C-alpha atoms as a PDB file:
ATOM      1  CA  MET A   1       3.972  -0.992 -15.864  1.00  0.00           C
ATOM      2  CA  PHE A   2       6.240  -3.967 -14.683  1.00  0.00           C
ATOM      3  CA  TYR A   3       4.632  -6.709 -12.820  1.00  0.00           C
ATOM      4  CA  ASP A   4       6.898  -9.518 -11.172  1.00  0.00           C
ATOM      5  CA  LEU A   5       5.767 -11.827  -8.733  1.00  0.00           C
ATOM      6  CA  PRO A   6       8.012 -10.951  -5.782  1.00  0.00           C
ATOM      7  CA  ARG A   7       6.563  -7.187  -6.030  1.00  0.00           C
ATOM      8  CA  LYS A   8       2.824  -8.676  -6.089  1.00  0.00           C
ATOM      9  CA  ILE A   9       2.009  -7.983  -2.658  1.00  0.00           C
ATOM     10  CA  GLU A  10       3.823  -4.298  -2.446  1.00  0.00           C
ATOM     11  CA  ILE A  11       1.701  -3.795  -5.611  1.00  0.00           C
ATOM     12  CA  GLU A  12      -1.443  -4.917  -3.989  1.00  0.00           C
ATOM     13  CA  ILE A  13      -0.746  -2.719  -0.862  1.00  0.00           C
ATOM     14  CA  PHE A  14      -0.023   0.254  -2.960  1.00  0.00           C
ATOM     15  CA  PHE A  15      -2.994  -0.050  -5.033  1.00  0.00           C
ATOM     16  CA  GLY A  16      -5.220  -0.952  -2.093  1.00  0.00           C
ATOM     17  CA  CYS A  17      -4.052   1.908  -0.322  1.00  0.00           C
ATOM     18  CA  GLY A  18      -4.439   4.184  -3.208  1.00  0.00           C
ATOM     19  CA  PHE A  19      -8.206   2.911  -3.633  1.00  0.00           C
ATOM     20  CA  ALA A  20      -8.916   3.699   0.037  1.00  0.00           C
ATOM     21  CA  PHE A  21      -7.320   7.062   0.046  1.00  0.00           C
ATOM     22  CA  GLY A  22      -9.032   8.060  -3.056  1.00  0.00           C
ATOM     23  CA  HIS A  23     -12.291   7.040  -1.665  1.00  0.00           C
ATOM     24  CA  HIS A  24     -11.754   8.721   1.689  1.00  0.00           C
ATOM     25  CA  LEU A  25     -12.317   5.216   3.457  1.00  0.00           C
ATOM     26  CA  THR A  26      -9.542   5.178   5.572  1.00  0.00           C
ATOM     27  CA  SER A  27      -8.931   5.993   9.263  1.00  0.00           C
ATOM     28  CA  ARG A  28      -6.180   7.778  10.432  1.00  0.00           C
ATOM     29  CA  GLN A  29      -5.115   4.651  12.002  1.00  0.00           C
ATOM     30  CA  ILE A  30      -5.607   2.626   8.660  1.00  0.00           C
ATOM     31  CA  LYS A  31      -3.416   5.295   6.809  1.00  0.00           C
ATOM     32  CA  ARG A  32      -0.653   4.968   9.231  1.00  0.00           C
ATOM     33  CA  THR A  33      -0.817   1.092   8.485  1.00  0.00           C
ATOM     34  CA  CYS A  34      -0.700   1.610   4.968  1.00  0.00           C
ATOM     35  CA  ILE A  35       2.257   4.163   5.083  1.00  0.00           C
ATOM     36  CA  GLY A  36       4.050   1.768   7.386  1.00  0.00           C
ATOM     37  CA  LEU A  37       3.647  -1.199   5.360  1.00  0.00           C
ATOM     38  CA  LEU A  38       4.874   0.342   2.352  1.00  0.00           C
ATOM     39  CA  ASN A  39       7.941   1.609   4.035  1.00  0.00           C
ATOM     40  CA  GLN A  40       8.534  -1.826   5.299  1.00  0.00           C
ATOM     41  CA  GLN A  41       8.358  -2.811   1.618  1.00  0.00           C
ATOM     42  CA  THR A  42      10.762  -0.416   0.522  1.00  0.00           C
ATOM     43  CA  THR A  43      13.473  -0.801   3.351  1.00  0.00           C
ATOM     44  CA  ALA A  44      13.374  -4.538   3.051  1.00  0.00           C
END
């Protein structure tokens, strides 16, 4: 897995959301925020 500095935030969002999803700690609003952040990262 490549890990370069510009993608650090994107990776942290990905793992942060993945952890939350995996442990069922997210509400619908938090999930929507995570998806929004990931979409923002990929389209930027």
